[in-house]
PDB file of N, CA and C in Angstrom:
ATOM      1  N   MET A   1       0.832  -1.165   0.000  1.00  0.00           N
ATOM      2  CA  MET A   1       0.000   0.000   0.000  1.00  0.00           C
ATOM      3  C   MET A   1       0.889   1.245   0.000  1.00  0.00           C
ATOM      4  N   ARG A   2       0.459   2.264  -0.730  1.00  0.00           N
ATOM      5  CA  ARG A   2       1.191   3.526  -0.715  1.00  0.00           C
ATOM      6  C   ARG A   2       0.220   4.680  -0.890  1.00  0.00           C
ATOM      7  N   LEU A   3       0.527   5.776  -0.274  1.00  0.00           N
ATOM      8  CA  LEU A   3      -0.293   6.975  -0.363  1.00  0.00           C
ATOM      9  C   LEU A   3       0.041   7.690  -1.666  1.00  0.00           C
ATOM     10  N   ILE A   4      -0.982   7.978  -2.484  1.00  0.00           N
ATOM     11  CA  ILE A   4      -0.727   8.612  -3.779  1.00  0.00           C
ATOM     12  C   ILE A   4      -1.347   9.996  -3.908  1.00  0.00           C
ATOM     13  N   GLY A   5      -2.199  10.377  -2.980  1.00  0.00           N
ATOM     14  CA  GLY A   5      -2.822  11.680  -3.099  1.00  0.00           C
ATOM     15  C   GLY A   5      -3.519  12.102  -1.827  1.00  0.00           C
ATOM     16  N   LEU A   6      -3.953  13.341  -1.829  1.00  0.00           N
ATOM     17  CA  LEU A   6      -4.540  13.965  -0.663  1.00  0.00           C
ATOM     18  C   LEU A   6      -5.575  14.972  -1.140  1.00  0.00           C
ATOM     19  N   THR A   7      -6.749  14.946  -0.514  1.00  0.00           N
ATOM     20  CA  THR A   7      -7.780  15.948  -0.793  1.00  0.00           C
ATOM     21  C   THR A   7      -8.008  16.747   0.483  1.00  0.00           C
ATOM     22  N   ILE A   8      -7.982  18.063   0.340  1.00  0.00           N
ATOM     23  CA  ILE A   8      -8.221  18.961   1.469  1.00  0.00           C
ATOM     24  C   ILE A   8      -9.523  19.704   1.197  1.00  0.00           C
ATOM     25  N   ALA A   9     -10.487  19.582   2.110  1.00  0.00           N
ATOM     26  CA  ALA A   9     -11.733  20.337   2.000  1.00  0.00           C
ATOM     27  C   ALA A   9     -11.432  21.774   2.407  1.00  0.00           C
ATOM     28  N   ALA A  10     -11.718  22.717   1.524  1.00  0.00           N
ATOM     29  CA  ALA A  10     -11.348  24.116   1.762  1.00  0.00           C
ATOM     30  C   ALA A  10     -12.582  25.006   1.870  1.00  0.00           C
ATOM     31  N   VAL A  11     -12.562  25.898   2.846  1.00  0.00           N
ATOM     32  CA  VAL A  11     -13.619  26.883   3.019  1.00  0.00           C
ATOM     33  C   VAL A  11     -13.185  28.198   2.375  1.00  0.00           C
ATOM     34  N   ASN A  12     -11.986  28.663   2.709  1.00  0.00           N
ATOM     35  CA  ASN A  12     -11.437  29.917   2.178  1.00  0.00           C
ATOM     36  C   ASN A  12     -10.553  29.610   0.976  1.00  0.00           C
ATOM     37  N   MET A  13     -11.176  29.240  -0.146  1.00  0.00           N
ATOM     38  CA  MET A  13     -10.446  28.690  -1.287  1.00  0.00           C
ATOM     39  C   MET A  13      -9.350  29.613  -1.810  1.00  0.00           C
ATOM     40  N   LYS A  14      -9.650  30.874  -2.052  1.00  0.00           N
ATOM     41  CA  LYS A  14      -8.651  31.791  -2.623  1.00  0.00           C
ATOM     42  C   LYS A  14      -7.417  31.872  -1.729  1.00  0.00           C
ATOM     43  N   GLU A  15      -7.623  32.027  -0.410  1.00  0.00           N
ATOM     44  CA  GLU A  15      -6.512  32.120   0.529  1.00  0.00           C
ATOM     45  C   GLU A  15      -5.768  30.789   0.643  1.00  0.00           C
ATOM     46  N   MET A  16      -6.505  29.668   0.589  1.00  0.00           N
ATOM     47  CA  MET A  16      -5.872  28.340   0.660  1.00  0.00           C
ATOM     48  C   MET A  16      -4.958  28.115  -0.542  1.00  0.00           C
ATOM     49  N   VAL A  17      -5.415  28.462  -1.734  1.00  0.00           N
ATOM     50  CA  VAL A  17      -4.597  28.313  -2.944  1.00  0.00           C
ATOM     51  C   VAL A  17      -3.338  29.162  -2.811  1.00  0.00           C
ATOM     52  N   ARG A  18      -3.497  30.403  -2.404  1.00  0.00           N
ATOM     53  CA  ARG A  18      -2.334  31.304  -2.260  1.00  0.00           C
ATOM     54  C   ARG A  18      -1.351  30.750  -1.227  1.00  0.00           C
ATOM     55  N   PHE A  19      -1.856  30.302  -0.074  1.00  0.00           N
ATOM     56  CA  PHE A  19      -1.026  29.771   1.003  1.00  0.00           C
ATOM     57  C   PHE A  19      -0.237  28.544   0.543  1.00  0.00           C
ATOM     58  N   TYR A  20      -0.910  27.539   0.000  1.00  0.00           N
ATOM     59  CA  TYR A  20      -0.221  26.303  -0.386  1.00  0.00           C
ATOM     60  C   TYR A  20       0.733  26.515  -1.561  1.00  0.00           C
ATOM     61  N   ASN A  21       0.412  27.414  -2.463  1.00  0.00           N
ATOM     62  CA  ASN A  21       1.346  27.726  -3.550  1.00  0.00           C
ATOM     63  C   ASN A  21       2.568  28.464  -3.027  1.00  0.00           C
ATOM     64  N   ALA A  22       2.387  29.408  -2.105  1.00  0.00           N
ATOM     65  CA  ALA A  22       3.511  30.194  -1.580  1.00  0.00           C
ATOM     66  C   ALA A  22       4.397  29.388  -0.642  1.00  0.00           C
ATOM     67  N   VAL A  23       3.801  28.624   0.264  1.00  0.00           N
ATOM     68  CA  VAL A  23       4.575  27.917   1.283  1.00  0.00           C
ATOM     69  C   VAL A  23       5.157  26.611   0.751  1.00  0.00           C
ATOM     70  N   PHE A  24       4.391  25.871  -0.040  1.00  0.00           N
ATOM     71  CA  PHE A  24       4.805  24.541  -0.482  1.00  0.00           C
ATOM     72  C   PHE A  24       5.131  24.444  -1.965  1.00  0.00           C
ATOM     73  N   GLY A  25       4.939  25.517  -2.717  1.00  0.00           N
ATOM     74  CA  GLY A  25       5.144  25.442  -4.161  1.00  0.00           C
ATOM     75  C   GLY A  25       4.246  24.383  -4.776  1.00  0.00           C
ATOM     76  N   ALA A  26       2.993  24.306  -4.316  1.00  0.00           N
ATOM     77  CA  ALA A  26       2.075  23.234  -4.711  1.00  0.00           C
ATOM     78  C   ALA A  26       1.612  23.328  -6.159  1.00  0.00           C
ATOM     79  N   GLY A  27       1.767  24.476  -6.789  1.00  0.00           N
ATOM     80  CA  GLY A  27       1.357  24.612  -8.186  1.00  0.00           C
ATOM     81  C   GLY A  27      -0.131  24.375  -8.396  1.00  0.00           C
ATOM     82  N   LEU A  28      -0.937  24.778  -7.419  1.00  0.00           N
ATOM     83  CA  LEU A  28      -2.385  24.570  -7.524  1.00  0.00           C
ATOM     84  C   LEU A  28      -2.965  25.406  -8.651  1.00  0.00           C
ATOM     85  N   LYS A  29      -3.735  24.724  -9.507  1.00  0.00           N
ATOM     86  CA  LYS A  29      -4.391  25.376 -10.643  1.00  0.00           C
ATOM     87  C   LYS A  29      -5.827  24.889 -10.720  1.00  0.00           C
ATOM     88  N   GLN A  30      -6.671  25.684 -11.340  1.00  0.00           N
ATOM     89  CA  GLN A  30      -8.064  25.296 -11.497  1.00  0.00           C
ATOM     90  C   GLN A  30      -8.163  23.986 -12.268  1.00  0.00           C
ATOM     91  N   THR A  31      -9.034  23.103 -11.790  1.00  0.00           N
ATOM     92  CA  THR A  31      -9.275  21.836 -12.491  1.00  0.00           C
ATOM     93  C   THR A  31     -10.766  21.735 -12.777  1.00  0.00           C
ATOM     94  N   VAL A  32     -11.451  20.888 -12.078  1.00  0.00           N
ATOM     95  CA  VAL A  32     -12.874  20.631 -12.300  1.00  0.00           C
ATOM     96  C   VAL A  32     -13.725  21.756 -11.731  1.00  0.00           C
ATOM     97  N   HIS A  33     -14.812  22.043 -12.417  1.00  0.00           N
ATOM     98  CA  HIS A  33     -15.778  23.042 -11.983  1.00  0.00           C
ATOM     99  C   HIS A  33     -17.126  22.333 -11.904  1.00  0.00           C
ATOM    100  N   ILE A  34     -17.715  22.271 -10.708  1.00  0.00           N
ATOM    101  CA  ILE A  34     -19.023  21.641 -10.533  1.00  0.00           C
ATOM    102  C   ILE A  34     -19.988  22.707 -10.037  1.00  0.00           C
ATOM    103  N   GLY A  35     -20.964  23.024 -10.857  1.00  0.00           N
ATOM    104  CA  GLY A  35     -21.869  24.125 -10.523  1.00  0.00           C
ATOM    105  C   GLY A  35     -21.069  25.392 -10.383  1.00  0.00           C
ATOM    106  N   ASP A  36     -21.207  26.069  -9.246  1.00  0.00           N
ATOM    107  CA  ASP A  36     -20.421  27.288  -9.013  1.00  0.00           C
ATOM    108  C   ASP A  36     -19.200  27.023  -8.139  1.00  0.00           C
ATOM    109  N   GLN A  37     -18.839  25.746  -7.988  1.00  0.00           N
ATOM    110  CA  GLN A  37     -17.715  25.361  -7.128  1.00  0.00           C
ATOM    111  C   GLN A  37     -16.492  24.995  -7.959  1.00  0.00           C
ATOM    112  N   GLN A  38     -15.345  25.605  -7.648  1.00  0.00           N
ATOM    113  CA  GLN A  38     -14.092  25.379  -8.374  1.00  0.00           C
ATOM    114  C   GLN A  38     -13.150  24.511  -7.552  1.00  0.00           C
ATOM    115  N   PHE A  39     -12.622  23.454  -8.157  1.00  0.00           N
ATOM    116  CA  PHE A  39     -11.596  22.607  -7.555  1.00  0.00           C
ATOM    117  C   PHE A  39     -10.232  23.074  -8.050  1.00  0.00           C
ATOM    118  N   TYR A  40      -9.187  22.779  -7.265  1.00  0.00           N
ATOM    119  CA  TYR A  40      -7.817  23.086  -7.652  1.00  0.00           C
ATOM    120  C   TYR A  40      -6.980  21.835  -7.457  1.00  0.00           C
ATOM    121  N   GLY A  41      -6.006  21.625  -8.343  1.00  0.00           N
ATOM    122  CA  GLY A  41      -5.123  20.472  -8.235  1.00  0.00           C
ATOM    123  C   GLY A  41      -3.680  20.882  -8.355  1.00  0.00           C
ATOM    124  N   GLY A  42      -2.798  20.104  -7.710  1.00  0.00           N
ATOM    125  CA  GLY A  42      -1.368  20.359  -7.759  1.00  0.00           C
ATOM    126  C   GLY A  42      -0.636  19.217  -7.081  1.00  0.00           C
ATOM    127  N   ALA A  43       0.497  19.522  -6.464  1.00  0.00           N
ATOM    128  CA  ALA A  43       1.294  18.495  -5.780  1.00  0.00           C
ATOM    129  C   ALA A  43       1.816  19.059  -4.466  1.00  0.00           C
ATOM    130  N   LEU A  44       1.883  18.183  -3.465  1.00  0.00           N
ATOM    131  CA  LEU A  44       2.360  18.556  -2.147  1.00  0.00           C
ATOM    132  C   LEU A  44       3.278  17.451  -1.663  1.00  0.00           C
ATOM    133  N   ALA A  45       4.576  17.768  -1.534  1.00  0.00           N
ATOM    134  CA  ALA A  45       5.577  16.792  -1.081  1.00  0.00           C
ATOM    135  C   ALA A  45       5.535  15.511  -1.908  1.00  0.00           C
ATOM    136  N   GLY A  46       5.368  15.659  -3.215  1.00  0.00           N
ATOM    137  CA  GLY A  46       5.375  14.501  -4.109  1.00  0.00           C
ATOM    138  C   GLY A  46       4.046  13.785  -4.236  1.00  0.00           C
ATOM    139  N   LEU A  47       3.016  14.249  -3.552  1.00  0.00           N
ATOM    140  CA  LEU A  47       1.688  13.651  -3.640  1.00  0.00           C
ATOM    141  C   LEU A  47       0.763  14.548  -4.451  1.00  0.00           C
ATOM    142  N   GLU A  48      -0.139  13.931  -5.193  1.00  0.00           N
ATOM    143  CA  GLU A  48      -1.190  14.703  -5.838  1.00  0.00           C
ATOM    144  C   GLU A  48      -2.051  15.314  -4.745  1.00  0.00           C
ATOM    145  N   VAL A  49      -2.360  16.604  -4.869  1.00  0.00           N
ATOM    146  CA  VAL A  49      -3.223  17.262  -3.886  1.00  0.00           C
ATOM    147  C   VAL A  49      -4.373  17.947  -4.614  1.00  0.00           C
ATOM    148  N   VAL A  50      -5.550  17.829  -4.038  1.00  0.00           N
ATOM    149  CA  VAL A  50      -6.746  18.474  -4.571  1.00  0.00           C
ATOM    150  C   VAL A  50      -7.356  19.316  -3.462  1.00  0.00           C
ATOM    151  N   LEU A  51      -7.659  20.573  -3.775  1.00  0.00           N
ATOM    152  CA  LEU A  51      -8.451  21.391  -2.871  1.00  0.00           C
ATOM    153  C   LEU A  51      -9.892  21.292  -3.370  1.00  0.00           C
ATOM    154  N   CYS A  52     -10.745  20.745  -2.522  1.00  0.00           N
ATOM    155  CA  CYS A  52     -12.150  20.536  -2.831  1.00  0.00           C
ATOM    156  C   CYS A  52     -12.975  21.528  -2.030  1.00  0.00           C
ATOM    157  N   PRO A  53     -13.888  22.260  -2.663  1.00  0.00           N
ATOM    158  CA  PRO A  53     -14.719  23.180  -1.892  1.00  0.00           C
ATOM    159  C   PRO A  53     -15.478  22.424  -0.798  1.00  0.00           C
ATOM    160  N   ASN A  54     -15.432  22.932   0.415  1.00  0.00           N
ATOM    161  CA  ASN A  54     -16.110  22.247   1.507  1.00  0.00           C
ATOM    162  C   ASN A  54     -17.620  22.183   1.290  1.00  0.00           C
ATOM    163  N   ALA A  55     -18.152  23.087   0.484  1.00  0.00           N
ATOM    164  CA  ALA A  55     -19.579  23.025   0.165  1.00  0.00           C
ATOM    165  C   ALA A  55     -19.916  21.689  -0.503  1.00  0.00           C
ATOM    166  N   ILE A  56     -18.970  21.095  -1.186  1.00  0.00           N
ATOM    167  CA  ILE A  56     -19.159  19.785  -1.820  1.00  0.00           C
ATOM    168  C   ILE A  56     -18.712  18.675  -0.877  1.00  0.00           C
ATOM    169  N   ALA A  57     -17.567  18.855  -0.228  1.00  0.00           N
ATOM    170  CA  ALA A  57     -17.029  17.810   0.657  1.00  0.00           C
ATOM    171  C   ALA A  57     -17.913  17.594   1.881  1.00  0.00           C
ATOM    172  N   GLY A  58     -18.490  18.673   2.401  1.00  0.00           N
ATOM    173  CA  GLY A  58     -19.383  18.565   3.548  1.00  0.00           C
ATOM    174  C   GLY A  58     -18.704  18.174   4.847  1.00  0.00           C
ATOM    175  N   VAL A  59     -17.434  18.530   5.019  1.00  0.00           N
ATOM    176  CA  VAL A  59     -16.705  18.207   6.244  1.00  0.00           C
ATOM    177  C   VAL A  59     -17.184  19.118   7.372  1.00  0.00           C
ATOM    178  N   VAL A  60     -17.527  18.507   8.496  1.00  0.00           N
ATOM    179  CA  VAL A  60     -17.932  19.265   9.674  1.00  0.00           C
ATOM    180  C   VAL A  60     -16.867  19.019  10.732  1.00  0.00           C
ATOM    181  N   ALA A  61     -16.024  20.024  10.968  1.00  0.00           N
ATOM    182  CA  ALA A  61     -14.941  19.882  11.950  1.00  0.00           C
ATOM    183  C   ALA A  61     -14.557  21.265  12.438  1.00  0.00           C
ATOM    184  N   GLU A  62     -14.258  21.356  13.708  1.00  0.00           N
ATOM    185  CA  GLU A  62     -13.775  22.615  14.270  1.00  0.00           C
ATOM    186  C   GLU A  62     -12.331  22.858  13.846  1.00  0.00           C
ATOM    187  N   GLN A  63     -11.571  21.771  13.704  1.00  0.00           N
ATOM    188  CA  GLN A  63     -10.160  21.835  13.331  1.00  0.00           C
ATOM    189  C   GLN A  63      -9.795  20.498  12.701  1.00  0.00           C
ATOM    190  N   ASN A  64      -8.640  20.445  12.051  1.00  0.00           N
ATOM    191  CA  ASN A  64      -8.236  19.211  11.378  1.00  0.00           C
ATOM    192  C   ASN A  64      -8.148  18.028  12.339  1.00  0.00           C
ATOM    193  N   ARG A  65      -8.351  16.843  11.806  1.00  0.00           N
ATOM    194  CA  ARG A  65      -8.270  15.612  12.595  1.00  0.00           C
ATOM    195  C   ARG A  65      -6.900  14.953  12.453  1.00  0.00           C
ATOM    196  N   GLN A  66      -6.050  15.470  11.603  1.00  0.00           N
ATOM    197  CA  GLN A  66      -4.690  14.987  11.427  1.00  0.00           C
ATOM    198  C   GLN A  66      -3.780  16.198  11.265  1.00  0.00           C
ATOM    199  N   GLN A  67      -2.495  15.987  11.461  1.00  0.00           N
ATOM    200  CA  GLN A  67      -1.532  17.082  11.289  1.00  0.00           C
ATOM    201  C   GLN A  67      -0.367  16.566  10.475  1.00  0.00           C
ATOM    202  N   PHE A  68       0.014  17.312   9.470  1.00  0.00           N
ATOM    203  CA  PHE A  68       1.162  16.950   8.655  1.00  0.00           C
ATOM    204  C   PHE A  68       2.429  17.532   9.261  1.00  0.00           C
ATOM    205  N   ARG A  69       3.539  16.799   9.115  1.00  0.00           N
ATOM    206  CA  ARG A  69       4.852  17.255   9.577  1.00  0.00           C
ATOM    207  C   ARG A  69       5.773  17.213   8.364  1.00  0.00           C
ATOM    208  N   PHE A  70       6.384  18.357   8.047  1.00  0.00           N
ATOM    209  CA  PHE A  70       7.276  18.470   6.904  1.00  0.00           C
ATOM    210  C   PHE A  70       8.683  18.783   7.376  1.00  0.00           C
ATOM    211  N   GLU A  71       9.668  18.098   6.804  1.00  0.00           N
ATOM    212  CA  GLU A  71      11.059  18.444   7.034  1.00  0.00           C
ATOM    213  C   GLU A  71      11.434  19.502   6.005  1.00  0.00           C
ATOM    214  N   VAL A  72      12.025  20.587   6.476  1.00  0.00           N
ATOM    215  CA  VAL A  72      12.390  21.705   5.612  1.00  0.00           C
ATOM    216  C   VAL A  72      13.853  22.072   5.839  1.00  0.00           C
ATOM    217  N   SER A  73      14.433  22.793   4.888  1.00  0.00           N
ATOM    218  CA  SER A  73      15.838  23.181   5.024  1.00  0.00           C
ATOM    219  C   SER A  73      16.004  24.565   5.644  1.00  0.00           C
ATOM    220  N   ASP A  74      14.951  25.389   5.630  1.00  0.00           N
ATOM    221  CA  ASP A  74      15.031  26.741   6.172  1.00  0.00           C
ATOM    222  C   ASP A  74      13.697  27.083   6.846  1.00  0.00           C
ATOM    223  N   ILE A  75      13.572  26.715   8.102  1.00  0.00           N
ATOM    224  CA  ILE A  75      12.302  26.852   8.816  1.00  0.00           C
ATOM    225  C   ILE A  75      11.874  28.308   8.970  1.00  0.00           C
ATOM    226  N   GLU A  76      12.828  29.210   9.155  1.00  0.00           N
ATOM    227  CA  GLU A  76      12.475  30.627   9.287  1.00  0.00           C
ATOM    228  C   GLU A  76      11.837  31.138   7.999  1.00  0.00           C
ATOM    229  N   ARG A  77      12.381  30.755   6.849  1.00  0.00           N
ATOM    230  CA  ARG A  77      11.830  31.187   5.555  1.00  0.00           C
ATOM    231  C   ARG A  77      10.422  30.632   5.363  1.00  0.00           C
ATOM    232  N   VAL A  78      10.217  29.353   5.697  1.00  0.00           N
ATOM    233  CA  VAL A  78       8.903  28.730   5.545  1.00  0.00           C
ATOM    234  C   VAL A  78       7.869  29.431   6.424  1.00  0.00           C
ATOM    235  N   MET A  79       8.240  29.701   7.664  1.00  0.00           N
ATOM    236  CA  MET A  79       7.318  30.388   8.574  1.00  0.00           C
ATOM    237  C   MET A  79       7.001  31.798   8.066  1.00  0.00           C
ATOM    238  N   GLU A  80       8.009  32.489   7.576  1.00  0.00           N
ATOM    239  CA  GLU A  80       7.820  33.830   7.040  1.00  0.00           C
ATOM    240  C   GLU A  80       6.850  33.806   5.859  1.00  0.00           C
ATOM    241  N   GLN A  81       7.035  32.846   4.939  1.00  0.00           N
ATOM    242  CA  GLN A  81       6.143  32.726   3.779  1.00  0.00           C
ATOM    243  C   GLN A  81       4.717  32.414   4.220  1.00  0.00           C
ATOM    244  N   GLY A  82       4.581  31.526   5.188  1.00  0.00           N
ATOM    245  CA  GLY A  82       3.254  31.162   5.669  1.00  0.00           C
ATOM    246  C   GLY A  82       2.520  32.334   6.291  1.00  0.00           C
ATOM    247  N   LEU A  83       3.222  33.089   7.130  1.00  0.00           N
ATOM    248  CA  LEU A  83       2.601  34.232   7.799  1.00  0.00           C
ATOM    249  C   LEU A  83       2.262  35.347   6.814  1.00  0.00           C
ATOM    250  N   ALA A  84       3.039  35.476   5.748  1.00  0.00           N
ATOM    251  CA  ALA A  84       2.784  36.499   4.734  1.00  0.00           C
ATOM    252  C   ALA A  84       1.633  36.114   3.807  1.00  0.00           C
ATOM    253  N   ASN A  85       1.162  34.874   3.881  1.00  0.00           N
ATOM    254  CA  ASN A  85       0.139  34.380   2.959  1.00  0.00           C
ATOM    255  C   ASN A  85      -1.048  33.777   3.696  1.00  0.00           C
ATOM    256  N   HIS A  86      -1.573  34.521   4.650  1.00  0.00           N
ATOM    257  CA  HIS A  86      -2.798  34.175   5.375  1.00  0.00           C
ATOM    258  C   HIS A  86      -2.654  33.024   6.353  1.00  0.00           C
ATOM    259  N   GLY A  87      -1.434  32.606   6.673  1.00  0.00           N
ATOM    260  CA  GLY A  87      -1.254  31.596   7.711  1.00  0.00           C
ATOM    261  C   GLY A  87      -1.173  32.268   9.066  1.00  0.00           C
ATOM    262  N   SER A  88      -1.345  31.488  10.125  1.00  0.00           N
ATOM    263  CA  SER A  88      -1.193  32.048  11.466  1.00  0.00           C
ATOM    264  C   SER A  88      -0.289  31.148  12.288  1.00  0.00           C
ATOM    265  N   GLU A  89       0.532  31.771  13.108  1.00  0.00           N
ATOM    266  CA  GLU A  89       1.514  31.038  13.902  1.00  0.00           C
ATOM    267  C   GLU A  89       0.832  30.324  15.067  1.00  0.00           C
ATOM    268  N   ILE A  90       1.138  29.044  15.220  1.00  0.00           N
ATOM    269  CA  ILE A  90       0.669  28.270  16.361  1.00  0.00           C
ATOM    270  C   ILE A  90       1.806  28.192  17.382  1.00  0.00           C
ATOM    271  N   ASN A  91       2.969  27.714  16.939  1.00  0.00           N
ATOM    272  CA  ASN A  91       4.170  27.648  17.781  1.00  0.00           C
ATOM    273  C   ASN A  91       5.323  28.280  17.019  1.00  0.00           C
ATOM    274  N   PRO A  92       5.998  29.265  17.615  1.00  0.00           N
ATOM    275  CA  PRO A  92       7.143  29.888  16.947  1.00  0.00           C
ATOM    276  C   PRO A  92       8.316  28.905  16.879  1.00  0.00           C
ATOM    277  N   VAL A  93       9.309  29.251  16.087  1.00  0.00           N
ATOM    278  CA  VAL A  93      10.502  28.416  15.944  1.00  0.00           C
ATOM    279  C   VAL A  93      11.168  28.228  17.298  1.00  0.00           C
ATOM    280  N   ASP A  94      11.447  26.980  17.622  1.00  0.00           N
ATOM    281  CA  ASP A  94      12.094  26.632  18.884  1.00  0.00           C
ATOM    282  C   ASP A  94      12.975  25.415  18.613  1.00  0.00           C
ATOM    283  N   GLU A  95      13.918  25.156  19.488  1.00  0.00           N
ATOM    284  CA  GLU A  95      14.768  23.965  19.336  1.00  0.00           C
ATOM    285  C   GLU A  95      14.281  22.864  20.246  1.00  0.00           C
ATOM    286  N   TYR A  96      14.287  21.638  19.702  1.00  0.00           N
ATOM    287  CA  TYR A  96      13.820  20.474  20.441  1.00  0.00           C
ATOM    288  C   TYR A  96      14.552  19.243  19.938  1.00  0.00           C
ATOM    289  N   LYS A  97      15.276  18.579  20.813  1.00  0.00           N
ATOM    290  CA  LYS A  97      15.996  17.337  20.487  1.00  0.00           C
ATOM    291  C   LYS A  97      16.835  17.458  19.215  1.00  0.00           C
ATOM    292  N   GLY A  98      17.626  18.512  19.129  1.00  0.00           N
ATOM    293  CA  GLY A  98      18.549  18.677  18.002  1.00  0.00           C
ATOM    294  C   GLY A  98      17.915  19.134  16.710  1.00  0.00           C
ATOM    295  N   ALA A  99      16.706  19.664  16.784  1.00  0.00           N
ATOM    296  CA  ALA A  99      16.034  20.161  15.582  1.00  0.00           C
ATOM    297  C   ALA A  99      15.317  21.464  15.911  1.00  0.00           C
ATOM    298  N   LYS A 100      15.073  22.265  14.884  1.00  0.00           N
ATOM    299  CA  LYS A 100      14.217  23.438  15.019  1.00  0.00           C
ATOM    300  C   LYS A 100      12.810  22.991  14.625  1.00  0.00           C
ATOM    301  N   VAL A 101      11.831  23.373  15.417  1.00  0.00           N
ATOM    302  CA  VAL A 101      10.438  23.000  15.138  1.00  0.00           C
ATOM    303  C   VAL A 101       9.549  24.240  15.244  1.00  0.00           C
ATOM    304  N   ALA A 102       8.470  24.243  14.481  1.00  0.00           N
ATOM    305  CA  ALA A 102       7.492  25.325  14.516  1.00  0.00           C
ATOM    306  C   ALA A 102       6.218  24.822  13.859  1.00  0.00           C
ATOM    307  N   SER A 103       5.127  25.534  14.086  1.00  0.00           N
ATOM    308  CA  SER A 103       3.889  25.140  13.409  1.00  0.00           C
ATOM    309  C   SER A 103       3.055  26.360  13.047  1.00  0.00           C
ATOM    310  N   LEU A 104       2.304  26.193  11.964  1.00  0.00           N
ATOM    311  CA  LEU A 104       1.416  27.209  11.415  1.00  0.00           C
ATOM    312  C   LEU A 104       0.024  26.621  11.277  1.00  0.00           C
ATOM    313  N   ALA A 105      -0.951  27.485  11.147  1.00  0.00           N
ATOM    314  CA  ALA A 105      -2.280  27.076  10.708  1.00  0.00           C
ATOM    315  C   ALA A 105      -2.503  27.683   9.330  1.00  0.00           C
ATOM    316  N   ASP A 106      -3.066  26.890   8.413  1.00  0.00           N
ATOM    317  CA  ASP A 106      -3.382  27.420   7.090  1.00  0.00           C
ATOM    318  C   ASP A 106      -4.625  28.314   7.208  1.00  0.00           C
ATOM    319  N   PRO A 107      -5.077  28.947   6.121  1.00  0.00           N
ATOM    320  CA  PRO A 107      -6.215  29.862   6.216  1.00  0.00           C
ATOM    321  C   PRO A 107      -7.511  29.232   6.741  1.00  0.00           C
ATOM    322  N   ASP A 108      -7.654  27.920   6.647  1.00  0.00           N
ATOM    323  CA  ASP A 108      -8.840  27.248   7.182  1.00  0.00           C
ATOM    324  C   ASP A 108      -8.629  26.715   8.589  1.00  0.00           C
ATOM    325  N   GLY A 109      -7.446  26.958   9.188  1.00  0.00           N
ATOM    326  CA  GLY A 109      -7.188  26.543  10.561  1.00  0.00           C
ATOM    327  C   GLY A 109      -6.551  25.171  10.718  1.00  0.00           C
ATOM    328  N   ASN A 110      -6.193  24.500   9.616  1.00  0.00           N
ATOM    329  CA  ASN A 110      -5.510  23.210   9.697  1.00  0.00           C
ATOM    330  C   ASN A 110      -4.072  23.432  10.134  1.00  0.00           C
ATOM    331  N   THR A 111      -3.614  22.697  11.152  1.00  0.00           N
ATOM    332  CA  THR A 111      -2.261  22.896  11.641  1.00  0.00           C
ATOM    333  C   THR A 111      -1.250  22.079  10.862  1.00  0.00           C
ATOM    334  N   ILE A 112      -0.072  22.653  10.687  1.00  0.00           N
ATOM    335  CA  ILE A 112       1.018  22.050   9.928  1.00  0.00           C
ATOM    336  C   ILE A 112       2.288  22.245  10.724  1.00  0.00           C
ATOM    337  N   GLU A 113       3.047  21.164  10.929  1.00  0.00           N
ATOM    338  CA  GLU A 113       4.288  21.236  11.687  1.00  0.00           C
ATOM    339  C   GLU A 113       5.473  21.188  10.739  1.00  0.00           C
ATOM    340  N   PHE A 114       6.509  21.958  11.059  1.00  0.00           N
ATOM    341  CA  PHE A 114       7.737  21.995  10.272  1.00  0.00           C
ATOM    342  C   PHE A 114       8.918  21.658  11.174  1.00  0.00           C
ATOM    343  N   VAL A 115       9.870  20.902  10.621  1.00  0.00           N
ATOM    344  CA  VAL A 115      11.062  20.494  11.347  1.00  0.00           C
ATOM    345  C   VAL A 115      12.271  20.760  10.468  1.00  0.00           C
ATOM    346  N   GLU A 116      13.283  21.397  11.043  1.00  0.00           N
ATOM    347  CA  GLU A 116      14.576  21.585  10.366  1.00  0.00           C
ATOM    348  C   GLU A 116      15.632  20.912  11.207  1.00  0.00           C
ATOM    349  N   GLN A 117      16.306  19.916  10.635  1.00  0.00           N
ATOM    350  CA  GLN A 117      17.369  19.223  11.366  1.00  0.00           C
ATOM    351  C   GLN A 117      18.549  20.169  11.543  1.00  0.00           C
ATOM    352  N   VAL A 118      19.103  20.200  12.743  1.00  0.00           N
ATOM    353  CA  VAL A 118      20.253  21.049  13.046  1.00  0.00           C
ATOM    354  C   VAL A 118      21.478  20.155  13.138  1.00  0.00           C
ATOM    355  N   SER A 119      22.514  20.512  12.360  1.00  0.00           N
ATOM    356  CA  SER A 119      23.717  19.655  12.377  1.00  0.00           C
ATOM    357  C   SER A 119      24.690  20.049  13.452  1.00  0.00           C
TER     358      SER A 119
END
């Protein structure tokens, strides 16, 4: 078994597209259009990613039920890009067990953790 893709139900679509393109270089572009709802597709860490309008997905959640952790080479730059593109800081950059760690929330409030290994 292998994971080949990810769908994120999005409420604030315009801000979500901007955030994921700026922070992750996801290359999200318009794909399918159903009624007045626009989907976006791209790639995230080598996986196919789809932003699906929550009006179609129908997800009812106060916050995400899972959290992604990404290893990055420049955590300060990633955090800066996230905050400049509608993200909000959850935990500022700190050192923990030989690594720098921090977390952001995307425009819909989903939390994302970043880790930079310190040599």
